[in-house]
Amino acid sequence: GDTPHFHYVSSEVTKGIAQVSLDSDIPVVYG
């Protein structure tokens, strides 16, 4: 959108899913 909110949310959801995936023994897939 017109504010930096997009960058914060997209970055954090990406990092969060990656962290859950790396910490787990099952596939956690980014869609």
Full PDB file with SEQRES, HELIX, SHEET, SSBOND, CRYST1, ORIGX, SCALE, CONECT and MASTER records, all heavy atoms in Angstrom:
SEQRES   1 A   31  GLY ASP THR PRO HIS PHE HIS TYR VAL SER SER GLU VAL          
SEQRES   2 A   31  THR LYS GLY ILE ALA GLN VAL SER LEU ASP SER ASP ILE          
SEQRES   3 A   31  PRO VAL VAL TYR GLY                                          
HELIX    1 AA1 HIS A    5  ASP A   23  1                                  19    
CRYST1    1.000    1.000    1.000  90.00  90.00  90.00 P 1           1          
ORIGX1      1.000000  0.000000  0.000000        0.00000                         
ORIGX2      0.000000  1.000000  0.000000        0.00000                         
ORIGX3      0.000000  0.000000  1.000000        0.00000                         
SCALE1      1.000000  0.000000  0.000000        0.00000                         
SCALE2      0.000000  1.000000  0.000000        0.00000                         
SCALE3      0.000000  0.000000  1.000000        0.00000                         
ATOM      1  N   GLY A   1       0.844  -1.197   0.000  1.00  0.00           N  
ATOM      2  CA  GLY A   1       0.000   0.000   0.000  1.00  0.00           C  
ATOM      3  C   GLY A   1       0.875   1.242   0.000  1.00  0.00           C  
ATOM      4  O   GLY A   1       2.024   1.203  -0.448  1.00  0.00           O  
ATOM      5  N   ASP A   2       0.355   2.317   0.552  1.00  0.00           N  
ATOM      6  CA  ASP A   2       1.071   3.597   0.562  1.00  0.00           C  
ATOM      7  C   ASP A   2       1.967   3.777   1.786  1.00  0.00           C  
ATOM      8  O   ASP A   2       2.654   4.783   1.891  1.00  0.00           O  
ATOM      9  CB  ASP A   2       0.065   4.753   0.500  1.00  0.00           C  
ATOM     10  CG  ASP A   2      -0.697   4.766  -0.810  1.00  0.00           C  
ATOM     11  OD1 ASP A   2      -0.128   4.332  -1.835  1.00  0.00           O  
ATOM     12  OD2 ASP A   2      -1.869   5.199  -0.802  1.00  0.00           O  
ATOM     13  N   THR A   3       1.931   2.831   2.715  1.00  0.00           N  
ATOM     14  CA  THR A   3       2.736   2.954   3.933  1.00  0.00           C  
ATOM     15  C   THR A   3       3.743   1.811   3.993  1.00  0.00           C  
ATOM     16  O   THR A   3       3.633   0.822   3.254  1.00  0.00           O  
ATOM     17  CB  THR A   3       1.832   2.888   5.182  1.00  0.00           C  
ATOM     18  OG1 THR A   3       1.302   1.554   5.292  1.00  0.00           O  
ATOM     19  CG2 THR A   3       0.691   3.889   5.108  1.00  0.00           C  
ATOM     20  N   PRO A   4       4.718   1.890   4.879  1.00  0.00           N  
ATOM     21  CA  PRO A   4       5.716   0.812   5.005  1.00  0.00           C  
ATOM     22  C   PRO A   4       5.172  -0.458   5.669  1.00  0.00           C  
ATOM     23  O   PRO A   4       5.891  -1.437   5.796  1.00  0.00           O  
ATOM     24  CB  PRO A   4       6.823   1.432   5.847  1.00  0.00           C  
ATOM     25  CG  PRO A   4       6.268   2.646   6.465  1.00  0.00           C  
ATOM     26  CD  PRO A   4       5.053   3.060   5.678  1.00  0.00           C  
ATOM     27  N   HIS A   5       3.904  -0.475   6.058  1.00  0.00           N  
ATOM     28  CA  HIS A   5       3.297  -1.627   6.723  1.00  0.00           C  
ATOM     29  C   HIS A   5       3.523  -2.924   5.940  1.00  0.00           C  
ATOM     30  O   HIS A   5       3.812  -3.979   6.506  1.00  0.00           O  
ATOM     31  CB  HIS A   5       1.801  -1.362   6.921  1.00  0.00           C  
ATOM     32  CG  HIS A   5       1.097  -2.424   7.681  1.00  0.00           C  
ATOM     33  ND1 HIS A   5       0.275  -3.349   7.090  1.00  0.00           N  
ATOM     34  CD2 HIS A   5       1.088  -2.708   9.006  1.00  0.00           C  
ATOM     35  CE1 HIS A   5      -0.212  -4.160   8.011  1.00  0.00           C  
ATOM     36  NE2 HIS A   5       0.261  -3.791   9.175  1.00  0.00           N  
ATOM     37  N   PHE A   6       3.392  -2.872   4.621  1.00  0.00           N  
ATOM     38  CA  PHE A   6       3.596  -4.034   3.751  1.00  0.00           C  
ATOM     39  C   PHE A   6       4.947  -4.684   4.014  1.00  0.00           C  
ATOM     40  O   PHE A   6       5.055  -5.903   4.130  1.00  0.00           O  
ATOM     41  CB  PHE A   6       3.502  -3.609   2.281  1.00  0.00           C  
ATOM     42  CG  PHE A   6       4.062  -4.610   1.304  1.00  0.00           C  
ATOM     43  CD1 PHE A   6       3.288  -5.681   0.870  1.00  0.00           C  
ATOM     44  CD2 PHE A   6       5.351  -4.482   0.821  1.00  0.00           C  
ATOM     45  CE1 PHE A   6       3.805  -6.609  -0.036  1.00  0.00           C  
ATOM     46  CE2 PHE A   6       5.871  -5.400  -0.085  1.00  0.00           C  
ATOM     47  CZ  PHE A   6       5.099  -6.465  -0.513  1.00  0.00           C  
ATOM     48  N   HIS A   7       5.987  -3.868   4.087  1.00  0.00           N  
ATOM     49  CA  HIS A   7       7.344  -4.396   4.257  1.00  0.00           C  
ATOM     50  C   HIS A   7       7.507  -5.106   5.599  1.00  0.00           C  
ATOM     51  O   HIS A   7       8.129  -6.167   5.675  1.00  0.00           O  
ATOM     52  CB  HIS A   7       8.371  -3.277   4.109  1.00  0.00           C  
ATOM     53  CG  HIS A   7       8.339  -2.650   2.754  1.00  0.00           C  
ATOM     54  ND1 HIS A   7       8.797  -3.296   1.627  1.00  0.00           N  
ATOM     55  CD2 HIS A   7       7.867  -1.449   2.342  1.00  0.00           C  
ATOM     56  CE1 HIS A   7       8.627  -2.529   0.575  1.00  0.00           C  
ATOM     57  NE2 HIS A   7       8.052  -1.397   0.973  1.00  0.00           N  
ATOM     58  N   TYR A   8       6.926  -4.540   6.640  1.00  0.00           N  
ATOM     59  CA  TYR A   8       7.023  -5.156   7.965  1.00  0.00           C  
ATOM     60  C   TYR A   8       6.284  -6.489   8.007  1.00  0.00           C  
ATOM     61  O   TYR A   8       6.809  -7.501   8.476  1.00  0.00           O  
ATOM     62  CB  TYR A   8       6.473  -4.230   9.055  1.00  0.00           C  
ATOM     63  CG  TYR A   8       7.200  -2.921   9.145  1.00  0.00           C  
ATOM     64  CD1 TYR A   8       6.508  -1.719   9.058  1.00  0.00           C  
ATOM     65  CD2 TYR A   8       8.578  -2.871   9.313  1.00  0.00           C  
ATOM     66  CE1 TYR A   8       7.170  -0.507   9.133  1.00  0.00           C  
ATOM     67  CE2 TYR A   8       9.249  -1.672   9.386  1.00  0.00           C  
ATOM     68  CZ  TYR A   8       8.541  -0.495   9.296  1.00  0.00           C  
ATOM     69  OH  TYR A   8       9.194   0.701   9.367  1.00  0.00           O  
ATOM     70  N   VAL A   9       5.054  -6.495   7.521  1.00  0.00           N  
ATOM     71  CA  VAL A   9       4.244  -7.712   7.579  1.00  0.00           C  
ATOM     72  C   VAL A   9       4.831  -8.804   6.691  1.00  0.00           C  
ATOM     73  O   VAL A   9       5.000  -9.941   7.123  1.00  0.00           O  
ATOM     74  CB  VAL A   9       2.771  -7.431   7.210  1.00  0.00           C  
ATOM     75  CG1 VAL A   9       1.981  -8.729   7.116  1.00  0.00           C  
ATOM     76  CG2 VAL A   9       2.136  -6.500   8.233  1.00  0.00           C  
ATOM     77  N   SER A  10       5.168  -8.466   5.444  1.00  0.00           N  
ATOM     78  CA  SER A  10       5.686  -9.498   4.543  1.00  0.00           C  
ATOM     79  C   SER A  10       7.005 -10.062   5.054  1.00  0.00           C  
ATOM     80  O   SER A  10       7.246 -11.272   4.975  1.00  0.00           O  
ATOM     81  CB  SER A  10       5.829  -8.969   3.113  1.00  0.00           C  
ATOM     82  OG  SER A  10       6.719  -7.892   3.046  1.00  0.00           O  
ATOM     83  N   SER A  11       7.851  -9.215   5.605  1.00  0.00           N  
ATOM     84  CA  SER A  11       9.126  -9.674   6.157  1.00  0.00           C  
ATOM     85  C   SER A  11       8.922 -10.592   7.361  1.00  0.00           C  
ATOM     86  O   SER A  11       9.532 -11.663   7.463  1.00  0.00           O  
ATOM     87  CB  SER A  11       9.979  -8.469   6.556  1.00  0.00           C  
ATOM     88  OG  SER A  11      11.179  -8.883   7.142  1.00  0.00           O  
ATOM     89  N   GLU A  12       8.047 -10.191   8.266  1.00  0.00           N  
ATOM     90  CA  GLU A  12       7.841 -10.974   9.492  1.00  0.00           C  
ATOM     91  C   GLU A  12       7.121 -12.297   9.233  1.00  0.00           C  
ATOM     92  O   GLU A  12       7.444 -13.310   9.851  1.00  0.00           O  
ATOM     93  CB  GLU A  12       7.119 -10.147  10.542  1.00  0.00           C  
ATOM     94  CG  GLU A  12       7.951  -9.004  11.072  1.00  0.00           C  
ATOM     95  CD  GLU A  12       9.316  -9.428  11.598  1.00  0.00           C  
ATOM     96  OE1 GLU A  12       9.409 -10.396  12.369  1.00  0.00           O  
ATOM     97  OE2 GLU A  12      10.309  -8.770  11.227  1.00  0.00           O  
ATOM     98  N   VAL A  13       6.136 -12.310   8.345  1.00  0.00           N  
ATOM     99  CA  VAL A  13       5.456 -13.572   8.053  1.00  0.00           C  
ATOM    100  C   VAL A  13       6.437 -14.534   7.377  1.00  0.00           C  
ATOM    101  O   VAL A  13       6.446 -15.734   7.664  1.00  0.00           O  
ATOM    102  CB  VAL A  13       4.169 -13.384   7.229  1.00  0.00           C  
ATOM    103  CG1 VAL A  13       4.431 -12.955   5.799  1.00  0.00           C  
ATOM    104  CG2 VAL A  13       3.343 -14.661   7.217  1.00  0.00           C  
ATOM    105  N   THR A  14       7.293 -14.013   6.517  1.00  0.00           N  
ATOM    106  CA  THR A  14       8.292 -14.850   5.853  1.00  0.00           C  
ATOM    107  C   THR A  14       9.288 -15.412   6.860  1.00  0.00           C  
ATOM    108  O   THR A  14       9.557 -16.617   6.868  1.00  0.00           O  
ATOM    109  CB  THR A  14       9.018 -14.043   4.756  1.00  0.00           C  
ATOM    110  OG1 THR A  14       8.052 -13.604   3.795  1.00  0.00           O  
ATOM    111  CG2 THR A  14      10.082 -14.873   4.072  1.00  0.00           C  
ATOM    112  N   LYS A  15       9.830 -14.547   7.709  1.00  0.00           N  
ATOM    113  CA  LYS A  15      10.776 -15.008   8.731  1.00  0.00           C  
ATOM    114  C   LYS A  15      10.117 -15.984   9.704  1.00  0.00           C  
ATOM    115  O   LYS A  15      10.721 -16.980  10.107  1.00  0.00           O  
ATOM    116  CB  LYS A  15      11.370 -13.826   9.502  1.00  0.00           C  
ATOM    117  CG  LYS A  15      12.398 -13.053   8.718  1.00  0.00           C  
ATOM    118  CD  LYS A  15      13.171 -12.087   9.594  1.00  0.00           C  
ATOM    119  CE  LYS A  15      12.353 -10.863   9.871  1.00  0.00           C  
ATOM    120  NZ  LYS A  15      13.109  -9.810  10.591  1.00  0.00           N  
ATOM    121  N   GLY A  16       8.876 -15.676  10.076  1.00  0.00           N  
ATOM    122  CA  GLY A  16       8.168 -16.537  11.028  1.00  0.00           C  
ATOM    123  C   GLY A  16       7.930 -17.933  10.489  1.00  0.00           C  
ATOM    124  O   GLY A  16       8.175 -18.929  11.178  1.00  0.00           O  
ATOM    125  N   ILE A  17       7.467 -18.022   9.261  1.00  0.00           N  
ATOM    126  CA  ILE A  17       7.233 -19.344   8.656  1.00  0.00           C  
ATOM    127  C   ILE A  17       8.554 -20.082   8.491  1.00  0.00           C  
ATOM    128  O   ILE A  17       8.638 -21.281   8.766  1.00  0.00           O  
ATOM    129  CB  ILE A  17       6.488 -19.210   7.311  1.00  0.00           C  
ATOM    130  CG1 ILE A  17       5.064 -18.709   7.547  1.00  0.00           C  
ATOM    131  CG2 ILE A  17       6.461 -20.548   6.561  1.00  0.00           C  
ATOM    132  CD1 ILE A  17       4.334 -18.290   6.276  1.00  0.00           C  
ATOM    133  N   ALA A  18       9.595 -19.374   8.061  1.00  0.00           N  
ATOM    134  CA  ALA A  18      10.910 -20.012   7.917  1.00  0.00           C  
ATOM    135  C   ALA A  18      11.396 -20.557   9.259  1.00  0.00           C  
ATOM    136  O   ALA A  18      11.923 -21.676   9.321  1.00  0.00           O  
ATOM    137  CB  ALA A  18      11.916 -19.019   7.341  1.00  0.00           C  
ATOM    138  N   GLN A  19      11.209 -19.795  10.333  1.00  0.00           N  
ATOM    139  CA  GLN A  19      11.654 -20.244  11.651  1.00  0.00           C  
ATOM    140  C   GLN A  19      10.882 -21.474  12.112  1.00  0.00           C  
ATOM    141  O   GLN A  19      11.468 -22.436  12.621  1.00  0.00           O  
ATOM    142  CB  GLN A  19      11.513 -19.123  12.684  1.00  0.00           C  
ATOM    143  CG  GLN A  19      12.163 -19.447  14.007  1.00  0.00           C  
ATOM    144  CD  GLN A  19      13.664 -19.637  13.868  1.00  0.00           C  
ATOM    145  OE1 GLN A  19      14.346 -18.762  13.350  1.00  0.00           O  
ATOM    146  NE2 GLN A  19      14.178 -20.768  14.302  1.00  0.00           N  
ATOM    147  N   VAL A  20       9.567 -21.459  11.933  1.00  0.00           N  
ATOM    148  CA  VAL A  20       8.767 -22.624  12.306  1.00  0.00           C  
ATOM    149  C   VAL A  20       9.225 -23.837  11.505  1.00  0.00           C  
ATOM    150  O   VAL A  20       9.385 -24.935  12.044  1.00  0.00           O  
ATOM    151  CB  VAL A  20       7.258 -22.361  12.091  1.00  0.00           C  
ATOM    152  CG1 VAL A  20       6.442 -23.627  12.301  1.00  0.00           C  
ATOM    153  CG2 VAL A  20       6.768 -21.255  13.025  1.00  0.00           C  
ATOM    154  N   SER A  21       9.469 -23.645  10.224  1.00  0.00           N  
ATOM    155  CA  SER A  21       9.917 -24.739   9.366  1.00  0.00           C  
ATOM    156  C   SER A  21      11.244 -25.312   9.845  1.00  0.00           C  
ATOM    157  O   SER A  21      11.395 -26.535   9.965  1.00  0.00           O  
ATOM    158  CB  SER A  21      10.044 -24.241   7.920  1.00  0.00           C  
ATOM    159  OG  SER A  21      10.531 -25.263   7.081  1.00  0.00           O  
ATOM    160  N   LEU A  22      12.206 -24.451  10.123  1.00  0.00           N  
ATOM    161  CA  LEU A  22      13.526 -24.919  10.556  1.00  0.00           C  
ATOM    162  C   LEU A  22      13.494 -25.580  11.927  1.00  0.00           C  
ATOM    163  O   LEU A  22      14.304 -26.459  12.208  1.00  0.00           O  
ATOM    164  CB  LEU A  22      14.516 -23.752  10.556  1.00  0.00           C  
ATOM    165  CG  LEU A  22      14.863 -23.205   9.176  1.00  0.00           C  
ATOM    166  CD1 LEU A  22      15.690 -21.931   9.304  1.00  0.00           C  
ATOM    167  CD2 LEU A  22      15.586 -24.242   8.344  1.00  0.00           C  
ATOM    168  N   ASP A  23      12.561 -25.163  12.773  1.00  0.00           N  
ATOM    169  CA  ASP A  23      12.454 -25.727  14.119  1.00  0.00           C  
ATOM    170  C   ASP A  23      11.627 -27.005  14.173  1.00  0.00           C  
ATOM    171  O   ASP A  23      11.526 -27.622  15.228  1.00  0.00           O  
ATOM    172  CB  ASP A  23      11.827 -24.704  15.078  1.00  0.00           C  
ATOM    173  CG  ASP A  23      12.754 -23.531  15.368  1.00  0.00           C  
ATOM    174  OD1 ASP A  23      13.969 -23.636  15.085  1.00  0.00           O  
ATOM    175  OD2 ASP A  23      12.256 -22.498  15.864  1.00  0.00           O  
ATOM    176  N   SER A  24      11.014 -27.391  13.060  1.00  0.00           N  
ATOM    177  CA  SER A  24      10.122 -28.548  13.087  1.00  0.00           C  
ATOM    178  C   SER A  24      10.731 -29.746  12.368  1.00  0.00           C  
ATOM    179  O   SER A  24      11.726 -29.619  11.668  1.00  0.00           O  
ATOM    180  CB  SER A  24       8.774 -28.198  12.460  1.00  0.00           C  
ATOM    181  OG  SER A  24       8.899 -28.154  11.055  1.00  0.00           O  
ATOM    182  N   ASP A  25      10.101 -30.874  12.559  1.00  0.00           N  
ATOM    183  CA  ASP A  25      10.521 -32.105  11.879  1.00  0.00           C  
ATOM    184  C   ASP A  25       9.607 -32.448  10.713  1.00  0.00           C  
ATOM    185  O   ASP A  25       9.697 -33.533  10.163  1.00  0.00           O  
ATOM    186  CB  ASP A  25      10.525 -33.283  12.868  1.00  0.00           C  
ATOM    187  CG  ASP A  25      11.680 -33.186  13.849  1.00  0.00           C  
ATOM    188  OD1 ASP A  25      12.730 -32.633  13.474  1.00  0.00           O  
ATOM    189  OD2 ASP A  25      11.528 -33.645  14.985  1.00  0.00           O  
ATOM    190  N   ILE A  26       8.713 -31.528  10.379  1.00  0.00           N  
ATOM    191  CA  ILE A  26       7.804 -31.748   9.257  1.00  0.00           C  
ATOM    192  C   ILE A  26       7.893 -30.548   8.315  1.00  0.00           C  
ATOM    193  O   ILE A  26       8.322 -29.466   8.719  1.00  0.00           O  
ATOM    194  CB  ILE A  26       6.340 -31.949   9.719  1.00  0.00           C  
ATOM    195  CG1 ILE A  26       5.801 -30.679  10.393  1.00  0.00           C  
ATOM    196  CG2 ILE A  26       6.218 -33.175  10.628  1.00  0.00           C  
ATOM    197  CD1 ILE A  26       4.309 -30.695  10.642  1.00  0.00           C  
ATOM    198  N   PRO A  27       7.482 -30.713   7.074  1.00  0.00           N  
ATOM    199  CA  PRO A  27       7.477 -29.579   6.161  1.00  0.00           C  
ATOM    200  C   PRO A  27       6.461 -28.515   6.583  1.00  0.00           C  
ATOM    201  O   PRO A  27       5.322 -28.829   6.902  1.00  0.00           O  
ATOM    202  CB  PRO A  27       7.056 -30.197   4.815  1.00  0.00           C  
ATOM    203  CG  PRO A  27       7.341 -31.657   4.951  1.00  0.00           C  
ATOM    204  CD  PRO A  27       7.146 -31.983   6.395  1.00  0.00           C  
ATOM    205  N   VAL A  28       6.912 -27.278   6.606  1.00  0.00           N  
ATOM    206  CA  VAL A  28       6.056 -26.122   6.827  1.00  0.00           C  
ATOM    207  C   VAL A  28       6.265 -25.257   5.588  1.00  0.00           C  
ATOM    208  O   VAL A  28       7.348 -24.725   5.375  1.00  0.00           O  
ATOM    209  CB  VAL A  28       6.415 -25.359   8.116  1.00  0.00           C  
ATOM    210  CG1 VAL A  28       5.522 -24.140   8.290  1.00  0.00           C  
ATOM    211  CG2 VAL A  28       6.318 -26.278   9.327  1.00  0.00           C  
ATOM    212  N   VAL A  29       5.233 -25.159   4.763  1.00  0.00           N  
ATOM    213  CA  VAL A  29       5.393 -24.632   3.414  1.00  0.00           C  
ATOM    214  C   VAL A  29       4.843 -23.212   3.289  1.00  0.00           C  
ATOM    215  O   VAL A  29       3.747 -22.907   3.758  1.00  0.00           O  
ATOM    216  CB  VAL A  29       4.710 -25.566   2.391  1.00  0.00           C  
ATOM    217  CG1 VAL A  29       4.864 -25.035   0.983  1.00  0.00           C  
ATOM    218  CG2 VAL A  29       5.285 -26.973   2.497  1.00  0.00           C  
ATOM    219  N   TYR A  30       5.606 -22.390   2.609  1.00  0.00           N  
ATOM    220  CA  TYR A  30       5.320 -20.975   2.385  1.00  0.00           C  
ATOM    221  C   TYR A  30       4.490 -20.799   1.119  1.00  0.00           C  
ATOM    222  O   TYR A  30       4.958 -21.046   0.014  1.00  0.00           O  
ATOM    223  CB  TYR A  30       6.655 -20.237   2.247  1.00  0.00           C  
ATOM    224  CG  TYR A  30       6.571 -18.749   2.084  1.00  0.00           C  
ATOM    225  CD1 TYR A  30       6.521 -17.923   3.189  1.00  0.00           C  
ATOM    226  CD2 TYR A  30       6.597 -18.171   0.823  1.00  0.00           C  
ATOM    227  CE1 TYR A  30       6.479 -16.537   3.047  1.00  0.00           C  
ATOM    228  CE2 TYR A  30       6.562 -16.794   0.669  1.00  0.00           C  
ATOM    229  CZ  TYR A  30       6.509 -15.987   1.783  1.00  0.00           C  
ATOM    230  OH  TYR A  30       6.474 -14.631   1.634  1.00  0.00           O  
ATOM    231  N   GLY A  31       3.245 -20.377   1.286  1.00  0.00           N  
ATOM    232  CA  GLY A  31       2.368 -20.108   0.153  1.00  0.00           C  
ATOM    233  C   GLY A  31       1.784 -18.712   0.253  1.00  0.00           C  
ATOM    234  O   GLY A  31       0.595 -18.504   0.046  1.00  0.00           O  
TER     235      GLY A  31                                                      
MASTER        0    0    0    1    0    0    0    6  234    1    0    3          
END                                                                             
